């Protein structure tokens, strides 16, 4: 069948219509005219794959990666970067309008990334051993098939250099088939950290440890759960830089930090702006990690409290506060929802930066406490809209919102929303 693609869906696919049904076709863009083959039929929509392009839509760009379309990492390399930002801005607005049933949303123009390539500072490489050697790359789209990748164009140069090193050492292992994954993290400062995920029966040859030390890498082993992490070659922990004057924040091996460090600095500036602090407020930062938002905010308020359930991140946040001379920040290792539920007095400002699943438990507790201002950082607009709906239905006003592109070449983006309690305005 032939269809015209007229929009993009959150998830990355192009969307057209055929005999009244929506048709989702990956690796297309609005304006494409494609001949496609149906691969899945649902009651309300079809999924198809393009077999021929009869016309390319405006904004098409030839993908530079030889495995694009097979590798599951990128969905939008075929779209010129300025158009990617336009589409993300449009998706953010459409999802909020549809889910919140409001048209008059105060959404500011989307913020493009300074670099559309070489931005990713945390990378998970998948490994699979075949008779021809070890494949090191990424899972295919919707599968666990490992596509061998010589170089990843969205990985930071330092991470890509570790990938090249892995190729020179992995076959020195007695059982290279027992290494399913390698995690690489690089910061603004410090050395790259490499985590080898090992299955039973795998040992690390001394020559590999010596090679990592020679290059200044921190080499760690993980056998199953994160609690099994242990170092075999000490290295300087990656650190990120935020705020002005600069705060240097050490990260945690195996822990979370934003993959796009340059855009993370813009994210921090946006949160500071949306918090609109005057210096006498109490601030609660939920899902605080190593203090990425808490410590810049602490510089601008009376007191800041960060809450995080991953205890090693809390320990590092305390160290980061001490190292940067910040004495009005405290950190608590606890589930964010349980902590908010235990409070009997509202902080002035609450900041949330939850994982993709959102923070509906926190929202319920915040409706009881009613802080004057809430700043919500989200990496998923659908769970964001779900969490905003009860706030907007019970006396909060959405004052500002913006989409920030931290993930060029993919459909993903971050967003920041500012809400205020109308009773306190």
Protein backbone atom coordinates (compact mmCIF):
# COMPACT_ATOMS: atom_id res chain seq x y z
CA UNK A 1 0.00 0.00 0.00
CA UNK A 2 1.06 3.63 -0.54
CA UNK A 3 0.58 6.27 2.13
CA UNK A 4 1.59 9.85 2.86
CA UNK A 5 3.27 10.43 6.22
CA UNK A 6 1.71 13.48 7.86
CA UNK A 7 3.08 13.47 11.43
CA UNK A 8 5.45 11.84 13.89
CA UNK A 9 4.41 9.88 16.97
CA UNK A 10 6.09 9.84 20.35
CA UNK A 11 8.13 6.68 19.91
CA UNK A 12 9.71 7.96 16.70
CA UNK A 13 7.53 6.44 13.98
CA UNK A 14 5.99 8.39 11.14
CA UNK A 15 2.18 8.29 10.98
CA UNK A 16 -0.04 8.15 7.90
CA UNK A 17 -3.55 6.88 7.20
CA UNK A 18 -4.90 4.06 5.05
CA UNK A 19 -8.62 3.42 4.66
CA UNK A 20 -9.31 5.40 7.83
CA UNK A 21 -6.75 3.64 10.02
CA UNK A 22 -3.58 5.15 11.43
CA UNK A 23 -0.44 3.48 10.09
CA UNK A 24 2.85 3.70 12.02
CA UNK A 25 5.97 3.45 9.85
CA UNK A 26 9.46 3.73 11.38
CA UNK A 27 12.25 5.79 9.80
CA UNK A 28 9.88 8.09 7.91
CA UNK A 29 9.05 11.77 8.35
CA UNK A 30 6.19 14.11 7.43
CA UNK A 31 5.99 14.63 3.68
CA UNK A 32 7.31 11.17 2.82
CA UNK A 33 5.29 9.16 0.32
CA UNK A 34 6.06 5.51 0.94
CA UNK A 35 5.12 2.11 -0.31
CA UNK A 36 4.91 -0.09 2.76
CA UNK A 37 4.10 -3.58 3.99
CA UNK A 38 1.86 -4.24 7.01
CA UNK A 39 3.66 -6.17 9.76
CA UNK A 40 1.06 -5.92 12.53
CA UNK A 41 -2.70 -5.35 12.55
CA UNK A 42 -4.51 -3.92 15.57
CA UNK A 43 -8.15 -2.94 15.95
CA UNK A 44 -7.41 0.80 15.75
CA UNK A 45 -4.11 1.00 13.88
CA UNK A 46 -1.57 -0.79 11.71
CA UNK A 47 2.19 -1.09 11.96
CA UNK A 48 4.11 -1.25 8.70
CA UNK A 49 7.60 -1.09 7.29
CA UNK A 50 8.60 1.00 4.30
CA UNK A 51 9.76 -0.95 1.27
CA UNK A 52 10.19 2.04 -1.08
CA UNK A 53 10.20 5.82 -0.87
CA UNK A 54 8.30 7.49 -3.70
CA UNK A 55 9.04 10.94 -2.27
CA UNK A 56 11.17 12.26 0.59
CA UNK A 57 9.66 14.85 2.88
CA UNK A 58 11.32 18.22 3.61
CA UNK A 59 13.94 17.91 6.30
CA UNK A 60 15.30 14.56 5.14
CA UNK A 61 18.99 14.02 5.84
CA UNK A 62 21.01 10.99 4.77
CA UNK A 63 21.86 8.98 7.94
CA UNK A 64 25.65 8.91 8.45
CA UNK A 65 25.66 5.71 10.54
CA UNK A 66 26.05 2.46 8.56
CA UNK A 67 23.84 0.50 11.00
CA UNK A 68 21.06 3.10 11.33
CA UNK A 69 17.72 1.35 10.95
CA UNK A 70 19.10 -1.89 12.37
CA UNK A 71 20.68 -0.62 15.60
CA UNK A 72 18.06 0.26 18.21
CA UNK A 73 19.86 3.32 19.56
CA UNK A 74 18.75 6.08 17.16
CA UNK A 75 15.37 6.63 15.50
CA UNK A 76 15.79 10.00 13.79
CA UNK A 77 19.16 10.14 12.02
CA UNK A 78 17.21 10.53 8.76
CA UNK A 79 15.84 13.90 9.94
CA UNK A 80 17.98 17.06 9.80
CA UNK A 81 18.69 18.21 13.34
CA UNK A 82 16.80 21.57 13.28
CA UNK A 83 13.68 19.66 12.20
CA UNK A 84 14.20 17.12 15.01
CA UNK A 85 13.96 19.96 17.52
CA UNK A 86 10.83 21.31 15.82
CA UNK A 87 9.17 17.89 15.94
CA UNK A 88 10.07 17.38 19.62
CA UNK A 89 8.65 20.78 20.49
CA UNK A 90 5.47 19.89 18.62
CA UNK A 91 5.17 16.48 20.29
CA UNK A 92 5.63 18.00 23.75
CA UNK A 93 2.88 20.54 23.14
CA UNK A 94 0.52 18.00 21.54
CA UNK A 95 0.89 15.44 24.34
CA UNK A 96 0.24 18.03 27.05
CA UNK A 97 -2.72 19.49 25.16
CA UNK A 98 -4.26 16.08 24.52
CA UNK A 99 -3.71 14.56 27.97
CA UNK A 100 -4.50 17.70 29.97
CA UNK A 101 -7.30 18.81 27.62
CA UNK A 102 -6.00 22.35 27.53
CA UNK A 103 -5.01 24.50 24.56
CA UNK A 104 -3.66 27.59 26.34
CA UNK A 105 -0.45 26.05 27.68
CA UNK A 106 2.49 28.39 28.46
CA UNK A 107 5.10 26.36 26.56
CA UNK A 108 8.33 28.15 25.69
CA UNK A 109 10.37 27.39 22.53
CA UNK A 110 12.34 24.14 22.67
CA UNK A 111 16.06 24.30 23.48
CA UNK A 112 18.29 22.59 20.92
CA UNK A 113 21.48 20.79 21.91
CA UNK A 114 24.76 22.60 21.07
CA UNK A 115 26.04 19.38 19.48
CA UNK A 116 23.88 16.89 17.60
CA UNK A 117 26.66 14.28 17.70
CA UNK A 118 29.27 13.03 20.20
CA UNK A 119 27.15 14.10 23.15
CA UNK A 120 26.52 10.85 25.03
CA UNK A 121 28.77 10.44 28.10
CA UNK A 122 27.26 7.18 29.39
CA UNK A 123 27.09 4.21 27.02
CA UNK A 124 26.10 0.55 27.47
CA UNK A 125 27.79 -1.71 24.94
CA UNK A 126 26.26 -5.14 24.38
CA UNK A 127 28.60 -8.05 23.61
CA UNK A 128 27.99 -11.31 21.80
CA UNK A 129 30.58 -13.91 20.90
CA UNK A 130 30.34 -15.61 17.50
CA UNK A 131 32.83 -17.91 15.73
CA UNK A 132 34.19 -14.91 13.81
CA UNK A 133 34.95 -13.04 17.04
CA UNK A 134 33.26 -10.82 19.60
CA UNK A 135 30.59 -8.39 18.44
CA UNK A 136 30.49 -5.18 20.49
CA UNK A 137 27.65 -2.79 19.79
CA UNK A 138 23.96 -2.37 20.52
CA UNK A 139 20.74 -4.33 20.44
CA UNK A 140 18.68 -4.17 17.30
CA UNK A 141 15.35 -2.40 17.25
CA UNK A 142 12.92 -4.49 19.29
CA UNK A 143 15.32 -7.42 19.65
CA UNK A 144 18.29 -8.75 21.62
CA UNK A 145 20.36 -9.29 18.49
CA UNK A 146 23.68 -7.46 18.89
CA UNK A 147 24.72 -5.31 15.93
CA UNK A 148 28.48 -4.90 15.79
CA UNK A 149 29.42 -1.21 15.70
CA UNK A 150 32.90 0.02 14.86
CA UNK A 151 32.16 3.51 16.18
CA UNK A 152 29.07 5.18 17.64
CA UNK A 153 28.53 8.71 16.36
CA UNK A 154 26.47 9.89 19.33
CA UNK A 155 28.95 8.57 21.93
CA UNK A 156 31.37 11.14 23.36
CA UNK A 157 34.82 10.81 21.84
CA UNK A 158 36.29 9.55 25.12
CA UNK A 159 33.62 6.85 25.37
CA UNK A 160 34.23 5.85 21.76
CA UNK A 161 37.95 5.54 22.55
CA UNK A 162 37.12 3.07 25.33
CA UNK A 163 35.00 1.13 22.82
CA UNK A 164 38.05 0.90 20.52
CA UNK A 165 40.19 -0.29 23.47
CA UNK A 166 37.64 -2.98 24.31
CA UNK A 167 38.08 -4.47 20.85
CA UNK A 168 41.81 -4.86 21.47
CA UNK A 169 41.45 -6.63 24.84
CA UNK A 170 38.19 -8.55 24.95
CA UNK A 171 39.50 -11.65 23.19
CA UNK A 172 42.29 -11.93 25.77
CA UNK A 173 39.65 -13.15 28.23
CA UNK A 174 39.51 -16.93 28.73
CA UNK A 175 35.73 -16.83 28.15
CA UNK A 176 34.82 -13.73 26.09
CA UNK A 177 31.37 -15.27 25.63
CA UNK A 178 30.77 -14.64 29.35
CA UNK A 179 30.80 -10.82 29.01
CA UNK A 180 27.26 -9.75 28.04
CA UNK A 181 27.66 -6.00 28.63
CA UNK A 182 30.22 -3.26 29.21
CA UNK A 183 29.22 0.13 30.68
CA UNK A 184 31.33 3.20 29.97
CA UNK A 185 31.00 6.56 31.73
CA UNK A 186 33.04 9.69 31.06
CA UNK A 187 32.65 13.08 32.73
CA UNK A 188 33.78 16.67 32.24
CA UNK A 189 36.73 15.75 34.44
CA UNK A 190 38.29 12.55 35.71
CA UNK A 191 39.03 9.32 33.91
CA UNK A 192 36.59 7.05 32.07
CA UNK A 193 35.01 4.33 34.19
CA UNK A 194 34.52 0.90 32.63
CA UNK A 195 32.20 -1.71 34.18
CA UNK A 196 32.56 -5.26 32.91
CA UNK A 197 29.43 -7.34 33.48
CA UNK A 198 30.65 -10.90 33.98
CA UNK A 199 28.81 -14.19 34.05
CA UNK A 200 29.89 -17.17 36.12
CA UNK A 201 33.24 -18.63 35.17
CA UNK A 202 34.76 -15.46 33.79
CA UNK A 203 38.03 -14.05 35.10
CA UNK A 204 39.89 -10.88 34.14
CA UNK A 205 43.41 -11.44 32.78
CA UNK A 206 46.13 -9.40 34.54
CA UNK A 207 47.18 -8.01 31.15
CA UNK A 208 43.73 -6.39 30.73
CA UNK A 209 43.91 -4.83 34.19
CA UNK A 210 47.41 -3.50 33.41
CA UNK A 211 46.21 -2.09 30.09
CA UNK A 212 43.34 -0.24 31.81
CA UNK A 213 45.75 1.19 34.40
CA UNK A 214 48.14 2.33 31.66
CA UNK A 215 45.32 4.34 30.08
CA UNK A 216 44.07 5.73 33.39
CA UNK A 217 40.71 3.94 33.18
CA UNK A 218 38.83 2.89 36.27
CA UNK A 219 38.00 -0.79 35.72
CA UNK A 220 35.18 -2.37 37.73
CA UNK A 221 33.53 -5.78 37.74
CA UNK A 222 29.84 -6.55 38.25
CA UNK A 223 28.46 -10.07 38.63
CA UNK A 224 24.69 -9.66 38.72
CA UNK A 225 23.25 -6.96 40.97
CA UNK A 226 24.81 -3.52 41.39
CA UNK A 227 25.77 -4.44 44.96
CA UNK A 228 28.42 -6.79 43.52
CA UNK A 229 30.42 -3.93 41.95
CA UNK A 230 34.10 -3.97 42.88
CA UNK A 231 37.17 -2.23 41.44
CA UNK A 232 40.12 -4.07 39.91
CA UNK A 233 41.93 -0.98 38.61
CA UNK A 234 41.47 2.23 40.58
CA UNK A 235 40.80 5.34 38.53
CA UNK A 236 39.65 8.88 39.13
CA UNK A 237 35.85 8.92 39.30
CA UNK A 238 34.18 10.90 36.49
CA UNK A 239 33.00 14.34 37.61
CA UNK A 240 30.49 16.73 36.02
CA UNK A 241 30.55 20.52 36.12
CA UNK A 242 27.42 22.65 36.69
CA UNK A 243 26.48 26.21 37.64
CA UNK A 244 28.50 29.45 37.81
CA UNK A 245 30.89 29.74 39.52
CA UNK A 246 31.51 26.09 38.66
CA UNK A 247 30.53 23.28 40.99
CA UNK A 248 32.46 20.07 40.39
CA UNK A 249 30.32 17.06 41.30
CA UNK A 250 31.81 13.59 41.47
CA UNK A 251 29.54 10.82 40.21
CA UNK A 252 28.99 7.28 41.50
CA UNK A 253 30.28 4.25 39.63
CA UNK A 254 27.22 2.56 38.17
CA UNK A 255 25.01 5.48 39.21
CA UNK A 256 22.91 7.93 37.20
CA UNK A 257 23.89 11.25 35.70
CA UNK A 258 22.54 12.94 32.58
CA UNK A 259 24.20 11.61 29.42
CA UNK A 260 24.42 15.03 27.75
CA UNK A 261 26.65 17.15 29.99
CA UNK A 262 26.38 20.39 28.02
CA UNK A 263 22.59 20.24 27.95
CA UNK A 264 22.56 19.19 31.61
CA UNK A 265 24.11 22.57 32.40
CA UNK A 266 21.27 24.23 30.49
CA UNK A 267 18.80 22.04 32.39
CA UNK A 268 20.28 23.19 35.71
CA UNK A 269 20.04 26.84 34.64
CA UNK A 270 16.40 26.31 33.63
CA UNK A 271 15.49 24.72 36.97
CA UNK A 272 17.19 27.60 38.83
CA UNK A 273 15.18 30.06 36.74
CA UNK A 274 11.88 28.20 37.26
CA UNK A 275 12.43 27.93 41.04
CA UNK A 276 12.58 31.76 41.15
CA UNK A 277 14.33 31.81 44.55
CA UNK A 278 14.79 34.95 46.66
CA UNK A 279 17.14 33.49 49.28
CA UNK A 280 14.86 32.76 52.23
CA UNK A 281 13.11 29.62 50.94
CA UNK A 282 13.30 25.97 51.92
CA UNK A 283 13.74 23.68 48.90
CA UNK A 284 13.06 19.94 48.67
CA UNK A 285 14.75 18.13 45.76
CA UNK A 286 13.31 14.66 45.13
CA UNK A 287 15.31 12.04 43.18
CA UNK A 288 18.38 14.20 43.77
CA UNK A 289 21.19 11.84 42.70
CA UNK A 290 24.61 13.27 43.55
CA UNK A 291 23.27 16.81 44.00
CA UNK A 292 23.02 17.92 40.36
CA UNK A 293 20.12 20.27 41.17
CA UNK A 294 20.23 20.39 44.98
CA UNK A 295 23.63 22.04 45.30
CA UNK A 296 23.12 24.83 42.73
CA UNK A 297 19.76 25.56 44.38
CA UNK A 298 21.31 25.53 47.87
CA UNK A 299 23.46 28.48 46.80
CA UNK A 300 20.29 30.50 46.28
CA UNK A 301 17.99 29.52 49.19
CA UNK A 302 17.99 29.26 52.96
CA UNK A 303 18.13 25.47 53.07
CA UNK A 304 17.94 22.61 50.59
CA UNK A 305 17.15 18.96 51.22
CA UNK A 306 17.88 16.25 48.66
CA UNK A 307 16.17 12.85 48.79
CA UNK A 308 17.43 9.82 46.87
CA UNK A 309 16.88 6.08 47.40
CA UNK A 310 20.30 4.98 46.05
CA UNK A 311 22.47 5.27 49.15
CA UNK A 312 25.85 5.54 47.32
CA UNK A 313 24.55 8.61 45.47
CA UNK A 314 23.49 10.18 48.77
CA UNK A 315 26.94 9.57 50.24
CA UNK A 316 28.51 11.18 47.17
CA UNK A 317 26.10 14.14 47.36
CA UNK A 318 27.23 14.77 50.95
CA UNK A 319 30.85 14.66 49.79
CA UNK A 320 30.08 17.02 46.90
CA UNK A 321 28.48 19.53 49.27
CA UNK A 322 31.50 19.44 51.57
CA UNK A 323 34.00 19.62 48.72
CA UNK A 324 32.23 22.66 47.23
CA UNK A 325 31.83 24.47 50.58
CA UNK A 326 28.03 24.26 50.71
CA UNK A 327 26.80 23.95 54.29
CA UNK A 328 23.03 24.53 53.97
CA UNK A 329 22.27 21.31 52.06
CA UNK A 330 21.41 17.98 53.64
CA UNK A 331 20.72 14.65 51.99
CA UNK A 332 18.47 11.74 52.96
CA UNK A 333 18.66 8.16 51.67
CA UNK A 334 15.00 7.26 51.36
CA UNK A 335 12.26 6.52 48.87
CA UNK A 336 10.97 9.89 47.62
CA UNK A 337 7.28 9.01 47.93
CA UNK A 338 7.64 7.75 51.48
CA UNK A 339 9.64 10.79 52.49
CA UNK A 340 7.06 13.26 51.18
CA UNK A 341 4.26 11.26 52.79
CA UNK A 342 6.04 11.54 56.16
CA UNK A 343 6.23 15.36 56.11
CA UNK A 344 3.81 17.45 58.14
CA UNK A 345 4.96 20.80 56.80
CA UNK A 346 5.42 21.91 53.22
CA UNK A 347 8.72 23.25 51.93
CA UNK A 348 8.43 26.46 49.93
CA UNK A 349 9.63 24.88 46.69
CA UNK A 350 9.67 21.23 45.59
CA UNK A 351 11.76 20.00 42.67
CA UNK A 352 11.15 16.55 41.19
CA UNK A 353 13.35 14.76 38.65
CA UNK A 354 11.92 11.21 38.65
CA UNK A 355 12.72 8.29 36.37
CA UNK A 356 10.59 7.51 33.33
CA UNK A 357 7.82 5.95 35.46
CA UNK A 358 7.05 9.37 36.99
CA UNK A 359 6.17 10.22 40.57
CA UNK A 360 2.44 9.82 41.15
CA UNK A 361 2.97 8.80 44.82
CA UNK A 362 4.84 12.04 45.42
CA UNK A 363 2.11 14.05 43.69
CA UNK A 364 -0.58 12.68 46.00
CA UNK A 365 1.46 13.68 49.05
CA UNK A 366 2.26 17.11 47.60
CA UNK A 367 -1.45 17.82 47.15
CA UNK A 368 -1.81 17.40 50.91
CA UNK A 369 1.24 19.55 51.74
CA UNK A 370 0.65 22.21 49.06
CA UNK A 371 4.08 23.80 48.53
CA UNK A 372 3.92 27.25 46.93
CA UNK A 373 5.89 26.19 43.87
CA UNK A 374 6.64 22.86 42.15
CA UNK A 375 9.26 22.42 39.44
CA UNK A 376 8.91 19.09 37.65
CA UNK A 377 11.74 17.73 35.46
CA UNK A 378 10.60 14.86 33.24
CA UNK A 379 12.06 12.52 30.64
CA UNK A 380 8.65 11.15 29.60
CA UNK A 381 5.85 13.52 28.56
CA UNK A 382 3.12 10.91 28.99
CA UNK A 383 3.86 10.21 32.66
CA UNK A 384 4.47 13.94 33.14
CA UNK A 385 0.96 14.71 31.87
CA UNK A 386 -0.48 11.98 34.11
CA UNK A 387 1.23 13.54 37.15
CA UNK A 388 0.31 17.12 36.24
CA UNK A 389 -3.40 16.38 35.81
CA UNK A 390 -4.27 16.04 39.54
CA UNK A 391 -2.21 19.12 40.39
CA UNK A 392 -3.99 21.24 37.78
CA UNK A 393 -7.34 19.84 38.86
CA UNK A 394 -6.77 20.78 42.50
CA UNK A 395 -5.63 24.36 42.55
CA UNK A 396 -2.22 24.49 40.86
CA UNK A 397 -1.51 26.54 37.78
CA UNK A 398 0.99 25.61 35.07
CA UNK A 399 2.97 28.83 34.66
CA UNK A 400 5.88 27.80 32.43
CA UNK A 401 7.02 24.72 30.48
CA UNK A 402 9.84 23.96 28.07
CA UNK A 403 11.26 21.02 26.13
CA UNK A 404 15.04 20.54 26.20
CA UNK A 405 16.70 18.21 23.71
CA UNK A 406 19.25 16.12 25.59
CA UNK A 407 19.06 13.24 23.12
CA UNK A 408 19.66 14.25 19.47
CA UNK A 409 19.01 11.58 16.81
CA UNK A 410 16.32 10.02 19.02
CA UNK A 411 12.70 10.90 19.81
CA UNK A 412 13.50 11.35 23.53
CA UNK A 413 13.68 14.72 25.30
CA UNK A 414 13.60 16.26 28.76
CA UNK A 415 11.15 18.90 29.91
CA UNK A 416 10.77 21.30 32.82
CA UNK A 417 7.45 22.61 34.16
CA UNK A 418 6.77 25.27 36.78
CA UNK A 419 3.55 25.11 38.79
CA UNK A 420 2.30 27.46 41.49
CA UNK A 421 -0.44 27.08 44.09
CA UNK A 422 -3.14 29.57 43.05
CA UNK A 423 -4.19 30.03 46.68
CA UNK A 424 -0.71 31.34 47.51
CA UNK A 425 -0.39 33.70 44.51
